[in-house]
Amino acid sequence: MNELKIFLKSSKTKAHDDSHRLKILKAVTTYDSQVDQMKTFQFNDWESARKYAASIKEEVLDQWPDLLEEFEEKITRRGAKVWWARDQKEALRYFKEIVDQHKAKKIVKSVI
C-alpha cells in the first residue's frame, strides 16, 4: 500500500476515534480559557489594546515600501545583498541559485 493510502486510512480512523476527539476538544477549550485569562491579566482594556495594535499594523503597512527600502539601504551598508522577488516562485529560484553557486551543504535560519 502506498504512503498516501496509508495516510488516508490512518487519518480516517483517527478522525472517527471518540477518545481522540475528546482530547482535541479539551485542548481547544483549555486554549480558549487560557487566552481569556491572559487577556484580563495582561491588559486593562483588551479591546483598546486590540484597536491600538491594529492601528500600528495599519501604519506599518501604509509605510511598507519605504520601510523595505530603508531596510535594504541599511543592510546593504553592512555588507549584505538583497534580492527582490515578485513572488514565492522567484524567491525560491534565487535561493536555489545561491545554494547551488556556493555548493551549500547546510543552511541555517536565524532571527536577530
PDB file of N, CA and C in Angstrom:
ATOM      1  N   MET A   1       0.850  -1.178   0.000  1.00  0.00           N
ATOM      2  CA  MET A   1       0.000   0.000   0.000  1.00  0.00           C
ATOM      3  C   MET A   1       0.895   1.241   0.000  1.00  0.00           C
ATOM      4  N   ASN A   2       0.608   2.211  -0.889  1.00  0.00           N
ATOM      5  CA  ASN A   2       1.486   3.383  -0.934  1.00  0.00           C
ATOM      6  C   ASN A   2       1.235   4.312   0.256  1.00  0.00           C
ATOM      7  N   GLU A   3       2.142   5.264   0.452  1.00  0.00           N
ATOM      8  CA  GLU A   3       2.110   6.131   1.629  1.00  0.00           C
ATOM      9  C   GLU A   3       0.827   6.955   1.706  1.00  0.00           C
ATOM     10  N   LEU A   4       0.337   7.440   0.583  1.00  0.00           N
ATOM     11  CA  LEU A   4      -0.882   8.239   0.582  1.00  0.00           C
ATOM     12  C   LEU A   4      -2.073   7.422   1.079  1.00  0.00           C
ATOM     13  N   LYS A   5      -2.211   6.210   0.583  1.00  0.00           N
ATOM     14  CA  LYS A   5      -3.326   5.365   1.016  1.00  0.00           C
ATOM     15  C   LYS A   5      -3.225   5.050   2.503  1.00  0.00           C
ATOM     16  N   ILE A   6      -2.012   4.786   2.971  1.00  0.00           N
ATOM     17  CA  ILE A   6      -1.805   4.511   4.400  1.00  0.00           C
ATOM     18  C   ILE A   6      -2.197   5.735   5.223  1.00  0.00           C
ATOM     19  N   PHE A   7      -1.753   6.915   4.781  1.00  0.00           N
ATOM     20  CA  PHE A   7      -2.073   8.149   5.493  1.00  0.00           C
ATOM     21  C   PHE A   7      -3.586   8.373   5.527  1.00  0.00           C
ATOM     22  N   LEU A   8      -4.245   8.255   4.385  1.00  0.00           N
ATOM     23  CA  LEU A   8      -5.687   8.490   4.323  1.00  0.00           C
ATOM     24  C   LEU A   8      -6.455   7.515   5.213  1.00  0.00           C
ATOM     25  N   LYS A   9      -6.046   6.249   5.200  1.00  0.00           N
ATOM     26  CA  LYS A   9      -6.715   5.255   6.038  1.00  0.00           C
ATOM     27  C   LYS A   9      -6.499   5.575   7.516  1.00  0.00           C
ATOM     28  N   SER A  10      -5.263   5.894   7.886  1.00  0.00           N
ATOM     29  CA  SER A  10      -4.952   6.205   9.287  1.00  0.00           C
ATOM     30  C   SER A  10      -5.680   7.458   9.751  1.00  0.00           C
ATOM     31  N   SER A  11      -5.722   8.487   8.903  1.00  0.00           N
ATOM     32  CA  SER A  11      -6.373   9.729   9.307  1.00  0.00           C
ATOM     33  C   SER A  11      -7.879   9.550   9.433  1.00  0.00           C
ATOM     34  N   LYS A  12      -8.464   8.738   8.571  1.00  0.00           N
ATOM     35  CA  LYS A  12      -9.907   8.471   8.669  1.00  0.00           C
ATOM     36  C   LYS A  12     -10.215   7.742   9.978  1.00  0.00           C
ATOM     37  N   THR A  13      -9.385   6.774  10.323  1.00  0.00           N
ATOM     38  CA  THR A  13      -9.562   6.037  11.576  1.00  0.00           C
ATOM     39  C   THR A  13      -9.440   6.990  12.762  1.00  0.00           C
ATOM     40  N   LYS A  14      -8.407   7.836  12.744  1.00  0.00           N
ATOM     41  CA  LYS A  14      -8.165   8.764  13.857  1.00  0.00           C
ATOM     42  C   LYS A  14      -9.291   9.783  13.965  1.00  0.00           C
ATOM     43  N   ALA A  15      -9.812  10.250  12.836  1.00  0.00           N
ATOM     44  CA  ALA A  15     -10.882  11.249  12.843  1.00  0.00           C
ATOM     45  C   ALA A  15     -12.162  10.718  13.470  1.00  0.00           C
ATOM     46  N   HIS A  16     -12.354   9.422  13.423  1.00  0.00           N
ATOM     47  CA  HIS A  16     -13.557   8.815  13.993  1.00  0.00           C
ATOM     48  C   HIS A  16     -13.325   8.211  15.375  1.00  0.00           C
ATOM     49  N   ASP A  17     -12.146   8.445  15.932  1.00  0.00           N
ATOM     50  CA  ASP A  17     -11.803   7.931  17.259  1.00  0.00           C
ATOM     51  C   ASP A  17     -12.359   8.896  18.316  1.00  0.00           C
ATOM     52  N   ASP A  18     -13.391   8.462  19.054  1.00  0.00           N
ATOM     53  CA  ASP A  18     -14.046   9.326  20.042  1.00  0.00           C
ATOM     54  C   ASP A  18     -13.085   9.801  21.126  1.00  0.00           C
ATOM     55  N   SER A  19     -12.188   8.950  21.557  1.00  0.00           N
ATOM     56  CA  SER A  19     -11.217   9.321  22.585  1.00  0.00           C
ATOM     57  C   SER A  19     -10.321  10.462  22.082  1.00  0.00           C
ATOM     58  N   HIS A  20      -9.876  10.336  20.846  1.00  0.00           N
ATOM     59  CA  HIS A  20      -9.021  11.371  20.253  1.00  0.00           C
ATOM     60  C   HIS A  20      -9.804  12.680  20.104  1.00  0.00           C
ATOM     61  N   ARG A  21     -11.058  12.590  19.683  1.00  0.00           N
ATOM     62  CA  ARG A  21     -11.882  13.784  19.513  1.00  0.00           C
ATOM     63  C   ARG A  21     -12.072  14.511  20.842  1.00  0.00           C
ATOM     64  N   LEU A  22     -12.224  13.765  21.937  1.00  0.00           N
ATOM     65  CA  LEU A  22     -12.355  14.376  23.257  1.00  0.00           C
ATOM     66  C   LEU A  22     -11.065  15.096  23.666  1.00  0.00           C
ATOM     67  N   LYS A  23      -9.926  14.482  23.341  1.00  0.00           N
ATOM     68  CA  LYS A  23      -8.637  15.130  23.644  1.00  0.00           C
ATOM     69  C   LYS A  23      -8.504  16.456  22.893  1.00  0.00           C
ATOM     70  N   ILE A  24      -8.895  16.466  21.623  1.00  0.00           N
ATOM     71  CA  ILE A  24      -8.828  17.691  20.815  1.00  0.00           C
ATOM     72  C   ILE A  24      -9.769  18.744  21.395  1.00  0.00           C
ATOM     73  N   LEU A  25     -10.983  18.355  21.737  1.00  0.00           N
ATOM     74  CA  LEU A  25     -11.954  19.283  22.317  1.00  0.00           C
ATOM     75  C   LEU A  25     -11.418  19.884  23.617  1.00  0.00           C
ATOM     76  N   LYS A  26     -10.826  19.047  24.467  1.00  0.00           N
ATOM     77  CA  LYS A  26     -10.260  19.535  25.729  1.00  0.00           C
ATOM     78  C   LYS A  26      -9.125  20.522  25.463  1.00  0.00           C
ATOM     79  N   ALA A  27      -8.276  20.213  24.498  1.00  0.00           N
ATOM     80  CA  ALA A  27      -7.153  21.099  24.172  1.00  0.00           C
ATOM     81  C   ALA A  27      -7.659  22.458  23.689  1.00  0.00           C
ATOM     82  N   VAL A  28      -8.650  22.455  22.814  1.00  0.00           N
ATOM     83  CA  VAL A  28      -9.200  23.707  22.287  1.00  0.00           C
ATOM     84  C   VAL A  28      -9.868  24.504  23.407  1.00  0.00           C
ATOM     85  N   THR A  29     -10.631  23.839  24.239  1.00  0.00           N
ATOM     86  CA  THR A  29     -11.317  24.505  25.353  1.00  0.00           C
ATOM     87  C   THR A  29     -10.303  25.098  26.324  1.00  0.00           C
ATOM     88  N   THR A  30      -9.279  24.332  26.653  1.00  0.00           N
ATOM     89  CA  THR A  30      -8.236  24.814  27.556  1.00  0.00           C
ATOM     90  C   THR A  30      -7.530  26.023  26.956  1.00  0.00           C
ATOM     91  N   TYR A  31      -7.230  25.961  25.666  1.00  0.00           N
ATOM     92  CA  TYR A  31      -6.555  27.071  24.980  1.00  0.00           C
ATOM     93  C   TYR A  31      -7.418  28.329  25.068  1.00  0.00           C
ATOM     94  N   ASP A  32      -8.695  28.216  24.724  1.00  0.00           N
ATOM     95  CA  ASP A  32      -9.592  29.369  24.767  1.00  0.00           C
ATOM     96  C   ASP A  32      -9.654  29.963  26.166  1.00  0.00           C
ATOM     97  N   SER A  33      -9.726  29.122  27.168  1.00  0.00           N
ATOM     98  CA  SER A  33      -9.782  29.574  28.552  1.00  0.00           C
ATOM     99  C   SER A  33      -8.500  30.315  28.923  1.00  0.00           C
ATOM    100  N   GLN A  34      -7.356  29.762  28.534  1.00  0.00           N
ATOM    101  CA  GLN A  34      -6.066  30.391  28.845  1.00  0.00           C
ATOM    102  C   GLN A  34      -5.939  31.746  28.162  1.00  0.00           C
ATOM    103  N   VAL A  35      -6.403  31.840  26.920  1.00  0.00           N
ATOM    104  CA  VAL A  35      -6.351  33.113  26.196  1.00  0.00           C
ATOM    105  C   VAL A  35      -7.211  34.150  26.907  1.00  0.00           C
ATOM    106  N   ASP A  36      -8.405  33.757  27.316  1.00  0.00           N
ATOM    107  CA  ASP A  36      -9.281  34.685  28.040  1.00  0.00           C
ATOM    108  C   ASP A  36      -8.632  35.165  29.332  1.00  0.00           C
ATOM    109  N   GLN A  37      -7.990  34.252  30.061  1.00  0.00           N
ATOM    110  CA  GLN A  37      -7.303  34.643  31.298  1.00  0.00           C
ATOM    111  C   GLN A  37      -6.156  35.600  31.002  1.00  0.00           C
ATOM    112  N   MET A  38      -5.409  35.327  29.936  1.00  0.00           N
ATOM    113  CA  MET A  38      -4.275  36.182  29.562  1.00  0.00           C
ATOM    114  C   MET A  38      -4.753  37.593  29.239  1.00  0.00           C
ATOM    115  N   LYS A  39      -5.879  37.688  28.543  1.00  0.00           N
ATOM    116  CA  LYS A  39      -6.405  39.000  28.170  1.00  0.00           C
ATOM    117  C   LYS A  39      -6.646  39.859  29.410  1.00  0.00           C
ATOM    118  N   THR A  40      -7.284  39.293  30.415  1.00  0.00           N
ATOM    119  CA  THR A  40      -7.614  40.070  31.610  1.00  0.00           C
ATOM    120  C   THR A  40      -6.389  40.302  32.485  1.00  0.00           C
ATOM    121  N   PHE A  41      -5.433  39.386  32.440  1.00  0.00           N
ATOM    122  CA  PHE A  41      -4.230  39.525  33.264  1.00  0.00           C
ATOM    123  C   PHE A  41      -3.283  40.570  32.684  1.00  0.00           C
ATOM    124  N   GLN A  42      -3.080  40.548  31.366  1.00  0.00           N
ATOM    125  CA  GLN A  42      -2.081  41.422  30.750  1.00  0.00           C
ATOM    126  C   GLN A  42      -2.611  42.787  30.319  1.00  0.00           C
ATOM    127  N   PHE A  43      -3.909  42.902  30.122  1.00  0.00           N
ATOM    128  CA  PHE A  43      -4.450  44.140  29.584  1.00  0.00           C
ATOM    129  C   PHE A  43      -5.593  44.649  30.452  1.00  0.00           C
ATOM    130  N   ASN A  44      -5.543  45.946  30.763  1.00  0.00           N
ATOM    131  CA  ASN A  44      -6.652  46.559  31.488  1.00  0.00           C
ATOM    132  C   ASN A  44      -7.881  46.657  30.593  1.00  0.00           C
ATOM    133  N   ASP A  45      -7.658  46.937  29.325  1.00  0.00           N
ATOM    134  CA  ASP A  45      -8.754  47.096  28.375  1.00  0.00           C
ATOM    135  C   ASP A  45      -8.381  46.377  27.083  1.00  0.00           C
ATOM    136  N   TRP A  46      -8.813  45.134  26.974  1.00  0.00           N
ATOM    137  CA  TRP A  46      -8.442  44.272  25.844  1.00  0.00           C
ATOM    138  C   TRP A  46      -8.837  44.886  24.509  1.00  0.00           C
ATOM    139  N   GLU A  47     -10.030  45.421  24.397  1.00  0.00           N
ATOM    140  CA  GLU A  47     -10.499  45.987  23.126  1.00  0.00           C
ATOM    141  C   GLU A  47      -9.655  47.186  22.715  1.00  0.00           C
ATOM    142  N   SER A  48      -9.293  48.031  23.655  1.00  0.00           N
ATOM    143  CA  SER A  48      -8.435  49.179  23.337  1.00  0.00           C
ATOM    144  C   SER A  48      -7.060  48.709  22.874  1.00  0.00           C
ATOM    145  N   ALA A  49      -6.547  47.669  23.523  1.00  0.00           N
ATOM    146  CA  ALA A  49      -5.245  47.122  23.126  1.00  0.00           C
ATOM    147  C   ALA A  49      -5.311  46.572  21.703  1.00  0.00           C
ATOM    148  N   ARG A  50      -6.397  45.881  21.373  1.00  0.00           N
ATOM    149  CA  ARG A  50      -6.567  45.341  20.018  1.00  0.00           C
ATOM    150  C   ARG A  50      -6.633  46.473  18.990  1.00  0.00           C
ATOM    151  N   LYS A  51      -7.379  47.511  19.301  1.00  0.00           N
ATOM    152  CA  LYS A  51      -7.504  48.648  18.373  1.00  0.00           C
ATOM    153  C   LYS A  51      -6.158  49.345  18.186  1.00  0.00           C
ATOM    154  N   TYR A  52      -5.418  49.491  19.277  1.00  0.00           N
ATOM    155  CA  TYR A  52      -4.099  50.129  19.201  1.00  0.00           C
ATOM    156  C   TYR A  52      -3.151  49.293  18.347  1.00  0.00           C
ATOM    157  N   ALA A  53      -3.145  47.984  18.561  1.00  0.00           N
ATOM    158  CA  ALA A  53      -2.294  47.094  17.757  1.00  0.00           C
ATOM    159  C   ALA A  53      -2.693  47.155  16.288  1.00  0.00           C
ATOM    160  N   ALA A  54      -3.977  47.199  16.004  1.00  0.00           N
ATOM    161  CA  ALA A  54      -4.451  47.281  14.617  1.00  0.00           C
ATOM    162  C   ALA A  54      -4.006  48.590  13.974  1.00  0.00           C
ATOM    163  N   SER A  55      -4.009  49.683  14.739  1.00  0.00           N
ATOM    164  CA  SER A  55      -3.578  50.967  14.176  1.00  0.00           C
ATOM    165  C   SER A  55      -2.084  50.955  13.862  1.00  0.00           C
ATOM    166  N   ILE A  56      -1.298  50.301  14.714  1.00  0.00           N
ATOM    167  CA  ILE A  56       0.144  50.177  14.446  1.00  0.00           C
ATOM    168  C   ILE A  56       0.365  49.360  13.174  1.00  0.00           C
ATOM    169  N   LYS A  57      -0.353  48.248  13.068  1.00  0.00           N
ATOM    170  CA  LYS A  57      -0.237  47.395  11.884  1.00  0.00           C
ATOM    171  C   LYS A  57      -0.597  48.181  10.621  1.00  0.00           C
ATOM    172  N   GLU A  58      -1.681  48.932  10.672  1.00  0.00           N
ATOM    173  CA  GLU A  58      -2.111  49.714   9.513  1.00  0.00           C
ATOM    174  C   GLU A  58      -1.062  50.752   9.127  1.00  0.00           C
ATOM    175  N   GLU A  59      -0.491  51.415  10.134  1.00  0.00           N
ATOM    176  CA  GLU A  59       0.546  52.419   9.885  1.00  0.00           C
ATOM    177  C   GLU A  59       1.770  51.784   9.220  1.00  0.00           C
ATOM    178  N   VAL A  60       2.183  50.632   9.734  1.00  0.00           N
ATOM    179  CA  VAL A  60       3.345  49.937   9.156  1.00  0.00           C
ATOM    180  C   VAL A  60       3.062  49.525   7.713  1.00  0.00           C
ATOM    181  N   LEU A  61       1.876  48.978   7.470  1.00  0.00           N
ATOM    182  CA  LEU A  61       1.537  48.557   6.108  1.00  0.00           C
ATOM    183  C   LEU A  61       1.480  49.744   5.154  1.00  0.00           C
ATOM    184  N   ASP A  62       1.009  50.889   5.635  1.00  0.00           N
ATOM    185  CA  ASP A  62       0.987  52.095   4.800  1.00  0.00           C
ATOM    186  C   ASP A  62       2.402  52.533   4.419  1.00  0.00           C
ATOM    187  N   GLN A  63       3.354  52.307   5.317  1.00  0.00           N
ATOM    188  CA  GLN A  63       4.742  52.720   5.088  1.00  0.00           C
ATOM    189  C   GLN A  63       5.620  51.589   4.552  1.00  0.00           C
ATOM    190  N   TRP A  64       5.032  50.424   4.286  1.00  0.00           N
ATOM    191  CA  TRP A  64       5.793  49.218   3.954  1.00  0.00           C
ATOM    192  C   TRP A  64       6.831  49.419   2.854  1.00  0.00           C
ATOM    193  N   PRO A  65       6.478  50.013   1.700  1.00  0.00           N
ATOM    194  CA  PRO A  65       7.505  50.176   0.657  1.00  0.00           C
ATOM    195  C   PRO A  65       8.704  50.994   1.140  1.00  0.00           C
ATOM    196  N   ASP A  66       8.445  52.093   1.854  1.00  0.00           N
ATOM    197  CA  ASP A  66       9.543  52.915   2.368  1.00  0.00           C
ATOM    198  C   ASP A  66      10.376  52.170   3.405  1.00  0.00           C
ATOM    199  N   LEU A  67       9.707  51.407   4.264  1.00  0.00           N
ATOM    200  CA  LEU A  67      10.428  50.642   5.280  1.00  0.00           C
ATOM    201  C   LEU A  67      11.319  49.575   4.645  1.00  0.00           C
ATOM    202  N   LEU A  68      10.827  48.916   3.593  1.00  0.00           N
ATOM    203  CA  LEU A  68      11.644  47.918   2.902  1.00  0.00           C
ATOM    204  C   LEU A  68      12.870  48.551   2.259  1.00  0.00           C
ATOM    205  N   GLU A  69      12.684  49.696   1.627  1.00  0.00           N
ATOM    206  CA  GLU A  69      13.823  50.381   1.009  1.00  0.00           C
ATOM    207  C   GLU A  69      14.831  50.835   2.064  1.00  0.00           C
ATOM    208  N   GLU A  70      14.334  51.323   3.198  1.00  0.00           N
ATOM    209  CA  GLU A  70      15.229  51.724   4.290  1.00  0.00           C
ATOM    210  C   GLU A  70      16.012  50.517   4.808  1.00  0.00           C
ATOM    211  N   PHE A  71      15.322  49.384   4.968  1.00  0.00           N
ATOM    212  CA  PHE A  71      15.988  48.167   5.408  1.00  0.00           C
ATOM    213  C   PHE A  71      17.074  47.765   4.411  1.00  0.00           C
ATOM    214  N   GLU A  72      16.734  47.782   3.114  1.00  0.00           N
ATOM    215  CA  GLU A  72      17.722  47.403   2.096  1.00  0.00           C
ATOM    216  C   GLU A  72      18.952  48.297   2.179  1.00  0.00           C
ATOM    217  N   GLU A  73      18.736  49.592   2.308  1.00  0.00           N
ATOM    218  CA  GLU A  73      19.851  50.532   2.376  1.00  0.00           C
ATOM    219  C   GLU A  73      20.754  50.237   3.577  1.00  0.00           C
ATOM    220  N   LYS A  74      20.151  50.013   4.735  1.00  0.00           N
ATOM    221  CA  LYS A  74      20.931  49.782   5.952  1.00  0.00           C
ATOM    222  C   LYS A  74      21.653  48.441   5.924  1.00  0.00           C
ATOM    223  N   ILE A  75      20.973  47.407   5.461  1.00  0.00           N
ATOM    224  CA  ILE A  75      21.590  46.078   5.470  1.00  0.00           C
ATOM    225  C   ILE A  75      22.670  45.971   4.394  1.00  0.00           C
ATOM    226  N   THR A  76      22.485  46.675   3.288  1.00  0.00           N
ATOM    227  CA  THR A  76      23.492  46.680   2.221  1.00  0.00           C
ATOM    228  C   THR A  76      24.765  47.365   2.702  1.00  0.00           C
ATOM    229  N   ARG A  77      24.613  48.448   3.468  1.00  0.00           N
ATOM    230  CA  ARG A  77      25.782  49.131   4.044  1.00  0.00           C
ATOM    231  C   ARG A  77      26.593  48.208   4.937  1.00  0.00           C
ATOM    232  N   ARG A  78      25.926  47.201   5.508  1.00  0.00           N
ATOM    233  CA  ARG A  78      26.612  46.264   6.400  1.00  0.00           C
ATOM    234  C   ARG A  78      27.183  45.062   5.640  1.00  0.00           C
ATOM    235  N   GLY A  79      27.066  45.081   4.302  1.00  0.00           N
ATOM    236  CA  GLY A  79      27.688  44.035   3.505  1.00  0.00           C
ATOM    237  C   GLY A  79      26.758  42.964   2.981  1.00  0.00           C
ATOM    238  N   ALA A  80      25.478  43.067   3.296  1.00  0.00           N
ATOM    239  CA  ALA A  80      24.536  42.053   2.819  1.00  0.00           C
ATOM    240  C   ALA A  80      24.090  42.374   1.398  1.00  0.00           C
ATOM    241  N   LYS A  81      23.572  41.375   0.730  1.00  0.00           N
ATOM    242  CA  LYS A  81      23.000  41.566  -0.592  1.00  0.00           C
ATOM    243  C   LYS A  81      21.512  41.273  -0.498  1.00  0.00           C
ATOM    244  N   VAL A  82      20.699  42.139  -1.070  1.00  0.00           N
ATOM    245  CA  VAL A  82      19.245  41.974  -1.048  1.00  0.00           C
ATOM    246  C   VAL A  82      18.777  41.544  -2.425  1.00  0.00           C
ATOM    247  N   TRP A  83      17.958  40.537  -2.449  1.00  0.00           N
ATOM    248  CA  TRP A  83      17.345  40.058  -3.694  1.00  0.00           C
ATOM    249  C   TRP A  83      15.856  40.366  -3.613  1.00  0.00           C
ATOM    250  N   TRP A  84      15.338  41.092  -4.571  1.00  0.00           N
ATOM    251  CA  TRP A  84      13.914  41.411  -4.610  1.00  0.00           C
ATOM    252  C   TRP A  84      13.209  40.400  -5.495  1.00  0.00           C
ATOM    253  N   ALA A  85      12.170  39.798  -4.992  1.00  0.00           N
ATOM    254  CA  ALA A  85      11.416  38.806  -5.763  1.00  0.00           C
ATOM    255  C   ALA A  85       9.959  39.253  -5.877  1.00  0.00           C
ATOM    256  N   ARG A  86       9.375  39.000  -7.045  1.00  0.00           N
ATOM    257  CA  ARG A  86       7.972  39.361  -7.266  1.00  0.00           C
ATOM    258  C   ARG A  86       7.013  38.402  -6.566  1.00  0.00           C
ATOM    259  N   ASP A  87       7.465  37.160  -6.348  1.00  0.00           N
ATOM    260  CA  ASP A  87       6.590  36.172  -5.738  1.00  0.00           C
ATOM    261  C   ASP A  87       7.433  35.059  -5.123  1.00  0.00           C
ATOM    262  N   GLN A  88       6.760  34.095  -4.519  1.00  0.00           N
ATOM    263  CA  GLN A  88       7.444  32.990  -3.845  1.00  0.00           C
ATOM    264  C   GLN A  88       8.278  32.177  -4.830  1.00  0.00           C
ATOM    265  N   LYS A  89       7.744  31.947  -6.006  1.00  0.00           N
ATOM    266  CA  LYS A  89       8.454  31.141  -7.002  1.00  0.00           C
ATOM    267  C   LYS A  89       9.792  31.785  -7.360  1.00  0.00           C
ATOM    268  N   GLU A  90       9.784  33.097  -7.571  1.00  0.00           N
ATOM    269  CA  GLU A  90      11.022  33.799  -7.909  1.00  0.00           C
ATOM    270  C   GLU A  90      11.988  33.793  -6.728  1.00  0.00           C
ATOM    271  N   ALA A  91      11.471  33.958  -5.517  1.00  0.00           N
ATOM    272  CA  ALA A  91      12.326  33.938  -4.324  1.00  0.00           C
ATOM    273  C   ALA A  91      12.994  32.576  -4.163  1.00  0.00           C
ATOM    274  N   LEU A  92      12.240  31.506  -4.384  1.00  0.00           N
ATOM    275  CA  LEU A  92      12.808  30.159  -4.282  1.00  0.00           C
ATOM    276  C   LEU A  92      13.865  29.921  -5.355  1.00  0.00           C
ATOM    277  N   ARG A  93      13.650  30.487  -6.536  1.00  0.00           N
ATOM    278  CA  ARG A  93      14.647  30.358  -7.605  1.00  0.00           C
ATOM    279  C   ARG A  93      15.950  31.056  -7.194  1.00  0.00           C
ATOM    280  N   TYR A  94      15.844  32.275  -6.633  1.00  0.00           N
ATOM    281  CA  TYR A  94      17.037  32.986  -6.151  1.00  0.00           C
ATOM    282  C   TYR A  94      17.749  32.163  -5.089  1.00  0.00           C
ATOM    283  N   PHE A  95      16.968  31.635  -4.154  1.00  0.00           N
ATOM    284  CA  PHE A  95      17.526  30.849  -3.061  1.00  0.00           C
ATOM    285  C   PHE A  95      18.291  29.651  -3.602  1.00  0.00           C
ATOM    286  N   LYS A  96      17.688  28.941  -4.548  1.00  0.00           N
ATOM    287  CA  LYS A  96      18.338  27.773  -5.137  1.00  0.00           C
ATOM    288  C   LYS A  96      19.626  28.165  -5.867  1.00  0.00           C
ATOM    289  N   GLU A  97      19.599  29.282  -6.567  1.00  0.00           N
ATOM    290  CA  GLU A  97      20.806  29.752  -7.272  1.00  0.00           C
ATOM    291  C   GLU A  97      21.948  30.008  -6.285  1.00  0.00           C
ATOM    292  N   ILE A  98      21.628  30.634  -5.173  1.00  0.00           N
ATOM    293  CA  ILE A  98      22.656  30.933  -4.166  1.00  0.00           C
ATOM    294  C   ILE A  98      23.208  29.636  -3.578  1.00  0.00           C
ATOM    295  N   VAL A  99      22.325  28.714  -3.224  1.00  0.00           N
ATOM    296  CA  VAL A  99      22.742  27.431  -2.659  1.00  0.00           C
ATOM    297  C   VAL A  99      23.618  26.681  -3.655  1.00  0.00           C
ATOM    298  N   ASP A 100      23.187  26.635  -4.918  1.00  0.00           N
ATOM    299  CA  ASP A 100      23.962  25.927  -5.939  1.00  0.00           C
ATOM    300  C   ASP A 100      25.308  26.602  -6.188  1.00  0.00           C
ATOM    301  N   GLN A 101      25.310  27.929  -6.261  1.00  0.00           N
ATOM    302  CA  GLN A 101      26.540  28.679  -6.525  1.00  0.00           C
ATOM    303  C   GLN A 101      27.600  28.413  -5.455  1.00  0.00           C
ATOM    304  N   HIS A 102      27.165  28.322  -4.219  1.00  0.00           N
ATOM    305  CA  HIS A 102      28.103  28.134  -3.105  1.00  0.00           C
ATOM    306  C   HIS A 102      28.242  26.672  -2.685  1.00  0.00           C
ATOM    307  N   LYS A 103      27.537  25.779  -3.401  1.00  0.00           N
ATOM    308  CA  LYS A 103      27.574  24.347  -3.096  1.00  0.00           C
ATOM    309  C   LYS A 103      27.306  24.109  -1.600  1.00  0.00           C
ATOM    310  N   ALA A 104      26.277  24.795  -1.108  1.00  0.00           N
ATOM    311  CA  ALA A 104      25.947  24.721   0.318  1.00  0.00           C
ATOM    312  C   ALA A 104      25.507  23.318   0.702  1.00  0.00           C
ATOM    313  N   LYS A 105      25.997  22.862   1.833  1.00  0.00           N
ATOM    314  CA  LYS A 105      25.604  21.564   2.364  1.00  0.00           C
ATOM    315  C   LYS A 105      24.718  21.727   3.596  1.00  0.00           C
ATOM    316  N   LYS A 106      24.733  22.921   4.188  1.00  0.00           N
ATOM    317  CA  LYS A 106      23.938  23.182   5.378  1.00  0.00           C
ATOM    318  C   LYS A 106      23.416  24.615   5.287  1.00  0.00           C
ATOM    319  N   ILE A 107      22.154  24.794   5.676  1.00  0.00           N
ATOM    320  CA  ILE A 107      21.530  26.107   5.663  1.00  0.00           C
ATOM    321  C   ILE A 107      21.001  26.368   7.071  1.00  0.00           C
ATOM    322  N   VAL A 108      21.292  27.546   7.609  1.00  0.00           N
ATOM    323  CA  VAL A 108      20.862  27.885   8.956  1.00  0.00           C
ATOM    324  C   VAL A 108      19.961  29.104   8.876  1.00  0.00           C
ATOM    325  N   LYS A 109      18.803  29.015   9.533  1.00  0.00           N
ATOM    326  CA  LYS A 109      17.882  30.145   9.622  1.00  0.00           C
ATOM    327  C   LYS A 109      18.098  30.794  10.976  1.00  0.00           C
ATOM    328  N   SER A 110      18.173  32.106  10.984  1.00  0.00           N
ATOM    329  CA  SER A 110      18.411  32.814  12.231  1.00  0.00           C
ATOM    330  C   SER A 110      17.578  34.077  12.290  1.00  0.00           C
ATOM    331  N   VAL A 111      17.169  34.443  13.485  1.00  0.00           N
ATOM    332  CA  VAL A 111      16.470  35.696  13.697  1.00  0.00           C
ATOM    333  C   VAL A 111      17.327  36.526  14.625  1.00  0.00           C
ATOM    334  N   ILE A 112      17.595  37.739  14.210  1.00  0.00           N
ATOM    335  CA  ILE A 112      18.465  38.619  15.010  1.00  0.00           C
ATOM    336  C   ILE A 112      17.621  39.612  15.768  1.00  0.00           C
TER     337      ILE A 112
END
